[in-house]
Amino acid sequence: MAGPVICDAGPLIAFACIDRLDLMRRLFGELWIPPAVRSECLAGAGADRDRIEAALQERWLRVHKPQSECAPISPSLGAGETEGIYLALEQPGSLLVADDRLARRYALSRGIAIVGTVRLLWTAEQKGWIDDAAQIVQAMAEVGYRISIELLEHVRS
């Protein structure tokens, strides 16, 4: 892949909540997030916030602001998804990591390559970095992240 990997808040927080940001770092080396995603990830208190802050300090997670003004795409998309899409549009060959259905649909309609959390977990399983992606999906679900074992089974087949 020629361009950067740009991540939305949802997947980043989900991996941080279960202390598995290491998988994202191993998969991509460096991740970009727009300012709105940074704000969303660091808004609260907790171990997930601390892990994301540490990744920013380690500089494998980097904040990049879209060059253009980010006009709202849809009332249903938040600032993080919107800025992520604008940033991906500005970076040819980029990959957007997002799970929000509307954001994914819009990104695909604009020719942006996209991947979701389940595919990342399946890839980590295929590489032997985790024993069972289903266990991680379950752990994410237990901390409140909306993710589906059924989607994992679909990806596996």
N, C-alpha and C. Protein backbone atom coordinates (compact mmCIF):
# COMPACT_ATOMS: atom_id res chain seq x y z
N MET A 1 0.85 -1.18 0.00
CA MET A 1 0.00 0.00 0.00
C MET A 1 0.89 1.24 0.00
N ALA A 2 0.53 2.20 -0.82
CA ALA A 2 1.37 3.37 -1.03
C ALA A 2 1.10 4.48 -0.02
N GLY A 3 -0.12 4.59 0.48
CA GLY A 3 -0.48 5.70 1.34
C GLY A 3 -0.56 5.32 2.80
N PRO A 4 -0.89 6.28 3.63
CA PRO A 4 -0.97 6.04 5.07
C PRO A 4 -2.23 5.25 5.46
N VAL A 5 -2.18 4.72 6.67
CA VAL A 5 -3.35 4.07 7.26
C VAL A 5 -3.95 5.07 8.23
N ILE A 6 -5.22 5.38 8.01
CA ILE A 6 -5.94 6.39 8.80
C ILE A 6 -6.99 5.67 9.61
N CYS A 7 -7.05 5.93 10.90
CA CYS A 7 -7.93 5.17 11.79
C CYS A 7 -9.00 6.05 12.42
N ASP A 8 -10.20 5.52 12.47
CA ASP A 8 -11.31 6.16 13.17
C ASP A 8 -11.21 5.82 14.66
N ALA A 9 -11.94 6.52 15.47
CA ALA A 9 -11.87 6.35 16.93
C ALA A 9 -12.38 4.99 17.39
N GLY A 10 -13.47 4.50 16.82
CA GLY A 10 -14.07 3.25 17.30
C GLY A 10 -13.11 2.09 17.36
N PRO A 11 -12.48 1.72 16.24
CA PRO A 11 -11.53 0.61 16.29
C PRO A 11 -10.36 0.87 17.24
N LEU A 12 -9.86 2.10 17.23
CA LEU A 12 -8.73 2.43 18.09
C LEU A 12 -9.10 2.25 19.56
N ILE A 13 -10.23 2.76 19.96
CA ILE A 13 -10.69 2.61 21.34
C ILE A 13 -10.95 1.15 21.68
N ALA A 14 -11.54 0.40 20.75
CA ALA A 14 -11.83 -1.01 21.00
C ALA A 14 -10.54 -1.79 21.28
N PHE A 15 -9.53 -1.58 20.45
CA PHE A 15 -8.25 -2.27 20.68
C PHE A 15 -7.60 -1.80 21.98
N ALA A 16 -7.71 -0.50 22.28
CA ALA A 16 -7.12 0.02 23.51
C ALA A 16 -7.83 -0.51 24.75
N CYS A 17 -9.14 -0.66 24.68
CA CYS A 17 -9.91 -1.13 25.84
C CYS A 17 -9.49 -2.52 26.28
N ILE A 18 -9.09 -3.34 25.33
CA ILE A 18 -8.68 -4.71 25.69
C ILE A 18 -7.16 -4.86 25.69
N ASP A 19 -6.46 -3.73 25.68
CA ASP A 19 -5.00 -3.69 25.74
C ASP A 19 -4.35 -4.47 24.60
N ARG A 20 -4.84 -4.24 23.38
CA ARG A 20 -4.27 -4.91 22.21
C ARG A 20 -3.92 -3.92 21.09
N LEU A 21 -3.55 -2.71 21.46
CA LEU A 21 -3.07 -1.77 20.45
C LEU A 21 -1.84 -2.30 19.74
N ASP A 22 -1.15 -3.22 20.39
CA ASP A 22 0.04 -3.82 19.78
C ASP A 22 -0.29 -4.47 18.43
N LEU A 23 -1.50 -5.00 18.30
CA LEU A 23 -1.88 -5.62 17.03
C LEU A 23 -1.95 -4.58 15.91
N MET A 24 -2.50 -3.42 16.21
CA MET A 24 -2.57 -2.37 15.20
C MET A 24 -1.16 -1.89 14.82
N ARG A 25 -0.30 -1.78 15.80
CA ARG A 25 1.07 -1.35 15.52
C ARG A 25 1.80 -2.39 14.67
N ARG A 26 1.60 -3.66 14.98
CA ARG A 26 2.25 -4.72 14.20
C ARG A 26 1.70 -4.78 12.78
N LEU A 27 0.40 -4.58 12.63
CA LEU A 27 -0.21 -4.64 11.31
C LEU A 27 0.24 -3.49 10.41
N PHE A 28 0.38 -2.30 10.99
CA PHE A 28 0.58 -1.12 10.15
C PHE A 28 1.86 -0.33 10.42
N GLY A 29 2.48 -0.52 11.56
CA GLY A 29 3.67 0.25 11.88
C GLY A 29 3.32 1.65 12.37
N GLU A 30 2.62 2.40 11.55
CA GLU A 30 2.22 3.76 11.90
C GLU A 30 0.76 3.96 11.51
N LEU A 31 0.04 4.64 12.35
CA LEU A 31 -1.36 4.99 12.08
C LEU A 31 -1.51 6.50 12.17
N TRP A 32 -2.34 7.03 11.28
CA TRP A 32 -2.70 8.44 11.35
C TRP A 32 -4.11 8.56 11.91
N ILE A 33 -4.31 9.59 12.69
CA ILE A 33 -5.66 9.93 13.14
C ILE A 33 -5.85 11.43 12.96
N PRO A 34 -7.06 11.85 12.58
CA PRO A 34 -7.33 13.28 12.49
C PRO A 34 -7.55 13.87 13.90
N PRO A 35 -7.47 15.18 14.03
CA PRO A 35 -7.63 15.82 15.34
C PRO A 35 -8.93 15.45 16.05
N ALA A 36 -10.04 15.33 15.33
CA ALA A 36 -11.31 15.00 15.99
C ALA A 36 -11.27 13.59 16.60
N VAL A 37 -10.57 12.67 15.96
CA VAL A 37 -10.42 11.32 16.52
C VAL A 37 -9.56 11.38 17.78
N ARG A 38 -8.50 12.16 17.72
CA ARG A 38 -7.65 12.32 18.92
C ARG A 38 -8.50 12.85 20.08
N SER A 39 -9.28 13.87 19.81
CA SER A 39 -10.12 14.46 20.86
C SER A 39 -11.10 13.44 21.43
N GLU A 40 -11.72 12.67 20.54
CA GLU A 40 -12.67 11.66 20.98
C GLU A 40 -12.00 10.59 21.84
N CYS A 41 -10.82 10.15 21.41
CA CYS A 41 -10.11 9.09 22.13
C CYS A 41 -9.60 9.54 23.50
N LEU A 42 -9.28 10.82 23.62
CA LEU A 42 -8.69 11.32 24.86
C LEU A 42 -9.69 12.08 25.74
N ALA A 43 -10.96 12.04 25.38
CA ALA A 43 -11.98 12.81 26.09
C ALA A 43 -12.23 12.30 27.51
N GLY A 44 -12.25 11.03 27.69
CA GLY A 44 -12.58 10.47 29.01
C GLY A 44 -11.34 10.09 29.79
N ALA A 45 -11.58 9.37 30.86
CA ALA A 45 -10.48 8.86 31.67
C ALA A 45 -10.54 7.34 31.62
N GLY A 46 -9.41 6.72 31.78
CA GLY A 46 -9.38 5.27 31.82
C GLY A 46 -8.14 4.71 31.16
N ALA A 47 -8.01 3.41 31.26
CA ALA A 47 -6.82 2.74 30.73
C ALA A 47 -6.75 2.87 29.21
N ASP A 48 -7.90 2.82 28.53
CA ASP A 48 -7.88 2.95 27.07
C ASP A 48 -7.33 4.31 26.65
N ARG A 49 -7.77 5.35 27.34
CA ARG A 49 -7.27 6.70 27.05
C ARG A 49 -5.76 6.75 27.28
N ASP A 50 -5.30 6.19 28.39
CA ASP A 50 -3.87 6.20 28.71
C ASP A 50 -3.06 5.44 27.66
N ARG A 51 -3.60 4.34 27.17
CA ARG A 51 -2.88 3.55 26.16
C ARG A 51 -2.79 4.32 24.84
N ILE A 52 -3.86 5.01 24.48
CA ILE A 52 -3.83 5.80 23.25
C ILE A 52 -2.87 6.98 23.41
N GLU A 53 -2.89 7.61 24.56
CA GLU A 53 -1.95 8.71 24.82
C GLU A 53 -0.51 8.21 24.74
N ALA A 54 -0.24 7.02 25.27
CA ALA A 54 1.11 6.45 25.18
C ALA A 54 1.51 6.20 23.72
N ALA A 55 0.57 5.71 22.92
CA ALA A 55 0.85 5.47 21.50
C ALA A 55 1.18 6.78 20.79
N LEU A 56 0.49 7.85 21.15
CA LEU A 56 0.79 9.17 20.58
C LEU A 56 2.19 9.63 21.01
N GLN A 57 2.53 9.40 22.27
CA GLN A 57 3.86 9.80 22.75
C GLN A 57 4.96 8.96 22.11
N GLU A 58 4.66 7.70 21.82
CA GLU A 58 5.63 6.83 21.14
C GLU A 58 5.75 7.17 19.66
N ARG A 59 4.82 7.94 19.15
CA ARG A 59 4.81 8.48 17.80
C ARG A 59 4.55 7.44 16.70
N TRP A 60 4.02 6.29 17.06
CA TRP A 60 3.56 5.39 16.00
C TRP A 60 2.10 5.70 15.67
N LEU A 61 1.44 6.39 16.57
CA LEU A 61 0.11 6.95 16.34
C LEU A 61 0.31 8.45 16.20
N ARG A 62 -0.06 8.98 15.03
CA ARG A 62 0.23 10.39 14.73
C ARG A 62 -1.03 11.14 14.31
N VAL A 63 -1.10 12.37 14.75
CA VAL A 63 -2.24 13.22 14.39
C VAL A 63 -1.88 13.97 13.10
N HIS A 64 -2.79 13.88 12.13
CA HIS A 64 -2.66 14.61 10.86
C HIS A 64 -3.99 15.29 10.57
N LYS A 65 -3.90 16.57 10.31
CA LYS A 65 -5.10 17.36 10.03
C LYS A 65 -5.36 17.40 8.53
N PRO A 66 -6.61 17.19 8.13
CA PRO A 66 -6.91 17.35 6.70
C PRO A 66 -6.59 18.78 6.27
N GLN A 67 -6.11 18.94 5.06
CA GLN A 67 -5.76 20.26 4.56
C GLN A 67 -6.99 21.08 4.21
N SER A 68 -8.03 20.40 3.74
CA SER A 68 -9.23 21.11 3.35
C SER A 68 -10.18 21.27 4.54
N GLU A 69 -11.08 22.22 4.42
CA GLU A 69 -12.10 22.39 5.45
C GLU A 69 -13.07 21.21 5.35
N CYS A 70 -13.41 20.64 6.47
CA CYS A 70 -14.23 19.43 6.50
C CYS A 70 -15.71 19.79 6.68
N ALA A 71 -16.35 20.03 5.56
CA ALA A 71 -17.80 20.28 5.60
C ALA A 71 -18.50 18.99 5.99
N PRO A 72 -19.58 19.08 6.75
CA PRO A 72 -20.30 17.86 7.15
C PRO A 72 -20.71 17.03 5.93
N ILE A 73 -20.52 15.73 6.04
CA ILE A 73 -20.90 14.80 4.98
C ILE A 73 -22.34 14.36 5.18
N SER A 74 -22.68 14.10 6.44
CA SER A 74 -24.01 13.63 6.80
C SER A 74 -24.25 13.96 8.26
N PRO A 75 -25.49 14.24 8.64
CA PRO A 75 -25.77 14.50 10.05
C PRO A 75 -25.50 13.27 10.92
N SER A 76 -25.46 12.10 10.30
CA SER A 76 -25.24 10.87 11.05
C SER A 76 -23.76 10.55 11.27
N LEU A 77 -22.88 11.26 10.58
CA LEU A 77 -21.44 11.02 10.75
C LEU A 77 -20.85 12.05 11.70
N GLY A 78 -20.05 11.56 12.62
CA GLY A 78 -19.39 12.44 13.57
C GLY A 78 -18.19 13.13 12.95
N ALA A 79 -17.61 14.02 13.72
CA ALA A 79 -16.45 14.79 13.25
C ALA A 79 -15.27 13.89 12.96
N GLY A 80 -15.07 12.84 13.76
CA GLY A 80 -13.94 11.93 13.54
C GLY A 80 -14.05 11.19 12.23
N GLU A 81 -15.23 10.63 11.95
CA GLU A 81 -15.43 9.93 10.67
C GLU A 81 -15.28 10.89 9.50
N THR A 82 -15.84 12.08 9.64
CA THR A 82 -15.77 13.07 8.57
C THR A 82 -14.33 13.47 8.29
N GLU A 83 -13.58 13.81 9.33
CA GLU A 83 -12.19 14.21 9.13
C GLU A 83 -11.36 13.04 8.58
N GLY A 84 -11.65 11.83 9.03
CA GLY A 84 -10.93 10.66 8.53
C GLY A 84 -11.16 10.46 7.04
N ILE A 85 -12.38 10.63 6.60
CA ILE A 85 -12.71 10.50 5.18
C ILE A 85 -12.01 11.59 4.37
N TYR A 86 -12.07 12.84 4.84
CA TYR A 86 -11.39 13.93 4.12
C TYR A 86 -9.88 13.66 4.05
N LEU A 87 -9.30 13.22 5.14
CA LEU A 87 -7.87 12.93 5.16
C LEU A 87 -7.53 11.81 4.17
N ALA A 88 -8.36 10.77 4.14
CA ALA A 88 -8.13 9.66 3.20
C ALA A 88 -8.26 10.13 1.75
N LEU A 89 -9.21 11.02 1.48
CA LEU A 89 -9.38 11.54 0.12
C LEU A 89 -8.16 12.34 -0.32
N GLU A 90 -7.49 12.98 0.63
CA GLU A 90 -6.31 13.79 0.31
C GLU A 90 -5.04 12.97 0.15
N GLN A 91 -5.07 11.71 0.60
CA GLN A 91 -3.88 10.87 0.59
C GLN A 91 -4.09 9.69 -0.35
N PRO A 92 -3.68 9.80 -1.61
CA PRO A 92 -3.87 8.71 -2.56
C PRO A 92 -3.25 7.41 -2.04
N GLY A 93 -3.97 6.32 -2.21
CA GLY A 93 -3.48 5.02 -1.78
C GLY A 93 -3.62 4.75 -0.30
N SER A 94 -4.33 5.60 0.41
CA SER A 94 -4.49 5.41 1.85
C SER A 94 -5.49 4.30 2.14
N LEU A 95 -5.49 3.84 3.38
CA LEU A 95 -6.43 2.85 3.87
C LEU A 95 -7.12 3.44 5.08
N LEU A 96 -8.44 3.37 5.11
CA LEU A 96 -9.22 3.88 6.24
C LEU A 96 -9.68 2.71 7.09
N VAL A 97 -9.39 2.76 8.38
CA VAL A 97 -9.84 1.75 9.33
C VAL A 97 -11.07 2.32 10.03
N ALA A 98 -12.23 1.74 9.75
CA ALA A 98 -13.48 2.24 10.31
C ALA A 98 -14.51 1.13 10.35
N ASP A 99 -15.38 1.20 11.33
CA ASP A 99 -16.46 0.21 11.46
C ASP A 99 -17.84 0.81 11.24
N ASP A 100 -17.98 2.11 11.35
CA ASP A 100 -19.27 2.76 11.17
C ASP A 100 -19.80 2.48 9.77
N ARG A 101 -20.99 1.93 9.69
CA ARG A 101 -21.56 1.49 8.41
C ARG A 101 -21.69 2.64 7.41
N LEU A 102 -22.22 3.78 7.85
CA LEU A 102 -22.40 4.91 6.95
C LEU A 102 -21.05 5.45 6.47
N ALA A 103 -20.09 5.55 7.38
CA ALA A 103 -18.76 6.02 6.99
C ALA A 103 -18.12 5.08 5.98
N ARG A 104 -18.28 3.79 6.19
CA ARG A 104 -17.72 2.80 5.25
C ARG A 104 -18.38 2.93 3.88
N ARG A 105 -19.70 3.05 3.87
CA ARG A 105 -20.43 3.16 2.61
C ARG A 105 -19.99 4.41 1.84
N TYR A 106 -19.90 5.53 2.55
CA TYR A 106 -19.51 6.76 1.89
C TYR A 106 -18.06 6.66 1.37
N ALA A 107 -17.17 6.14 2.20
CA ALA A 107 -15.76 6.01 1.80
C ALA A 107 -15.63 5.13 0.56
N LEU A 108 -16.32 4.01 0.55
CA LEU A 108 -16.27 3.12 -0.61
C LEU A 108 -16.81 3.81 -1.86
N SER A 109 -17.87 4.61 -1.70
CA SER A 109 -18.43 5.32 -2.86
C SER A 109 -17.46 6.35 -3.42
N ARG A 110 -16.52 6.78 -2.62
CA ARG A 110 -15.52 7.76 -3.06
C ARG A 110 -14.20 7.11 -3.46
N GLY A 111 -14.17 5.76 -3.47
CA GLY A 111 -12.97 5.05 -3.89
C GLY A 111 -11.90 4.89 -2.83
N ILE A 112 -12.26 5.07 -1.58
CA ILE A 112 -11.30 4.92 -0.48
C ILE A 112 -11.26 3.45 -0.07
N ALA A 113 -10.07 2.90 0.04
CA ALA A 113 -9.90 1.54 0.54
C ALA A 113 -10.23 1.55 2.04
N ILE A 114 -10.95 0.53 2.47
CA ILE A 114 -11.41 0.51 3.86
C ILE A 114 -11.29 -0.89 4.44
N VAL A 115 -11.04 -0.95 5.71
CA VAL A 115 -10.97 -2.21 6.44
C VAL A 115 -11.58 -1.98 7.83
N GLY A 116 -12.17 -3.03 8.38
CA GLY A 116 -12.77 -2.93 9.70
C GLY A 116 -12.05 -3.77 10.73
N THR A 117 -12.48 -3.64 11.95
CA THR A 117 -11.88 -4.34 13.08
C THR A 117 -11.87 -5.85 12.90
N VAL A 118 -12.97 -6.41 12.45
CA VAL A 118 -13.05 -7.86 12.30
C VAL A 118 -12.01 -8.37 11.30
N ARG A 119 -11.85 -7.67 10.19
CA ARG A 119 -10.84 -8.08 9.20
C ARG A 119 -9.43 -7.97 9.79
N LEU A 120 -9.18 -6.95 10.60
CA LEU A 120 -7.87 -6.82 11.23
C LEU A 120 -7.60 -7.99 12.17
N LEU A 121 -8.62 -8.37 12.93
CA LEU A 121 -8.45 -9.50 13.84
C LEU A 121 -8.23 -10.80 13.09
N TRP A 122 -8.96 -10.99 12.01
CA TRP A 122 -8.78 -12.18 11.20
C TRP A 122 -7.36 -12.22 10.61
N THR A 123 -6.87 -11.08 10.15
CA THR A 123 -5.51 -11.00 9.62
C THR A 123 -4.48 -11.33 10.70
N ALA A 124 -4.67 -10.80 11.91
CA ALA A 124 -3.76 -11.10 13.02
C ALA A 124 -3.78 -12.59 13.34
N GLU A 125 -4.96 -13.19 13.28
CA GLU A 125 -5.08 -14.63 13.51
C GLU A 125 -4.32 -15.40 12.42
N GLN A 126 -4.50 -15.00 11.16
CA GLN A 126 -3.82 -15.66 10.05
C GLN A 126 -2.30 -15.57 10.17
N LYS A 127 -1.81 -14.45 10.71
CA LYS A 127 -0.37 -14.26 10.88
C LYS A 127 0.17 -14.98 12.11
N GLY A 128 -0.74 -15.55 12.92
CA GLY A 128 -0.31 -16.26 14.12
C GLY A 128 -0.03 -15.35 15.31
N TRP A 129 -0.46 -14.10 15.23
CA TRP A 129 -0.23 -13.15 16.33
C TRP A 129 -1.23 -13.32 17.46
N ILE A 130 -2.38 -13.90 17.14
CA ILE A 130 -3.39 -14.23 18.16
C ILE A 130 -3.86 -15.65 17.86
N ASP A 131 -4.29 -16.35 18.91
CA ASP A 131 -4.75 -17.72 18.73
C ASP A 131 -6.13 -17.79 18.12
N ASP A 132 -7.01 -16.90 18.58
CA ASP A 132 -8.40 -17.01 18.15
C ASP A 132 -9.03 -15.62 18.10
N ALA A 133 -9.32 -15.14 16.89
CA ALA A 133 -9.93 -13.83 16.73
C ALA A 133 -11.27 -13.74 17.44
N ALA A 134 -11.99 -14.86 17.53
CA ALA A 134 -13.30 -14.86 18.19
C ALA A 134 -13.18 -14.47 19.66
N GLN A 135 -12.10 -14.87 20.31
CA GLN A 135 -11.90 -14.48 21.72
C GLN A 135 -11.73 -12.97 21.85
N ILE A 136 -11.05 -12.36 20.91
CA ILE A 136 -10.85 -10.91 20.94
C ILE A 136 -12.15 -10.19 20.62
N VAL A 137 -12.89 -10.71 19.66
CA VAL A 137 -14.21 -10.14 19.34
C VAL A 137 -15.08 -10.18 20.59
N GLN A 138 -15.07 -11.29 21.31
CA GLN A 138 -15.85 -11.43 22.54
C GLN A 138 -15.38 -10.43 23.60
N ALA A 139 -14.07 -10.27 23.74
CA ALA A 139 -13.53 -9.32 24.72
C ALA A 139 -13.96 -7.90 24.39
N MET A 140 -13.95 -7.55 23.11
CA MET A 140 -14.39 -6.21 22.69
C MET A 140 -15.88 -6.03 22.98
N ALA A 141 -16.65 -7.06 22.71
CA ALA A 141 -18.10 -6.98 22.98
C ALA A 141 -18.35 -6.81 24.47
N GLU A 142 -17.56 -7.45 25.29
CA GLU A 142 -17.73 -7.36 26.75
C GLU A 142 -17.44 -5.97 27.29
N VAL A 143 -16.61 -5.20 26.60
CA VAL A 143 -16.35 -3.82 27.04
C VAL A 143 -17.26 -2.82 26.35
N GLY A 144 -18.26 -3.34 25.60
CA GLY A 144 -19.28 -2.47 25.03
C GLY A 144 -19.10 -2.10 23.57
N TYR A 145 -18.09 -2.66 22.90
CA TYR A 145 -17.92 -2.35 21.48
C TYR A 145 -18.85 -3.22 20.67
N ARG A 146 -19.59 -2.59 19.77
CA ARG A 146 -20.55 -3.33 18.93
C ARG A 146 -19.80 -4.02 17.81
N ILE A 147 -19.67 -5.32 17.96
CA ILE A 147 -18.91 -6.13 17.02
C ILE A 147 -19.56 -7.51 16.98
N SER A 148 -19.42 -8.18 15.86
CA SER A 148 -20.20 -9.40 15.65
C SER A 148 -19.34 -10.62 15.36
N ILE A 149 -19.57 -11.68 16.12
CA ILE A 149 -18.95 -12.97 15.85
C ILE A 149 -19.40 -13.47 14.47
N GLU A 150 -20.66 -13.20 14.13
CA GLU A 150 -21.18 -13.64 12.83
C GLU A 150 -20.39 -13.03 11.68
N LEU A 151 -20.01 -11.77 11.82
CA LEU A 151 -19.21 -11.12 10.79
C LEU A 151 -17.83 -11.79 10.69
N LEU A 152 -17.26 -12.15 11.82
CA LEU A 152 -15.99 -12.86 11.80
C LEU A 152 -16.12 -14.20 11.07
N GLU A 153 -17.18 -14.92 11.36
CA GLU A 153 -17.40 -16.20 10.68
C GLU A 153 -17.56 -15.99 9.18
N HIS A 154 -18.23 -14.92 8.80
CA HIS A 154 -18.39 -14.60 7.37
C HIS A 154 -17.02 -14.31 6.74
N VAL A 155 -16.19 -13.54 7.43
CA VAL A 155 -14.84 -13.21 6.92
C VAL A 155 -14.00 -14.47 6.80
N ARG A 156 -14.11 -15.34 7.78
CA ARG A 156 -13.33 -16.59 7.76
C ARG A 156 -13.71 -17.47 6.59
N SER A 157 -14.97 -17.42 6.19
CA SER A 157 -15.40 -18.29 5.08
C SER A 157 -15.19 -17.59 3.77
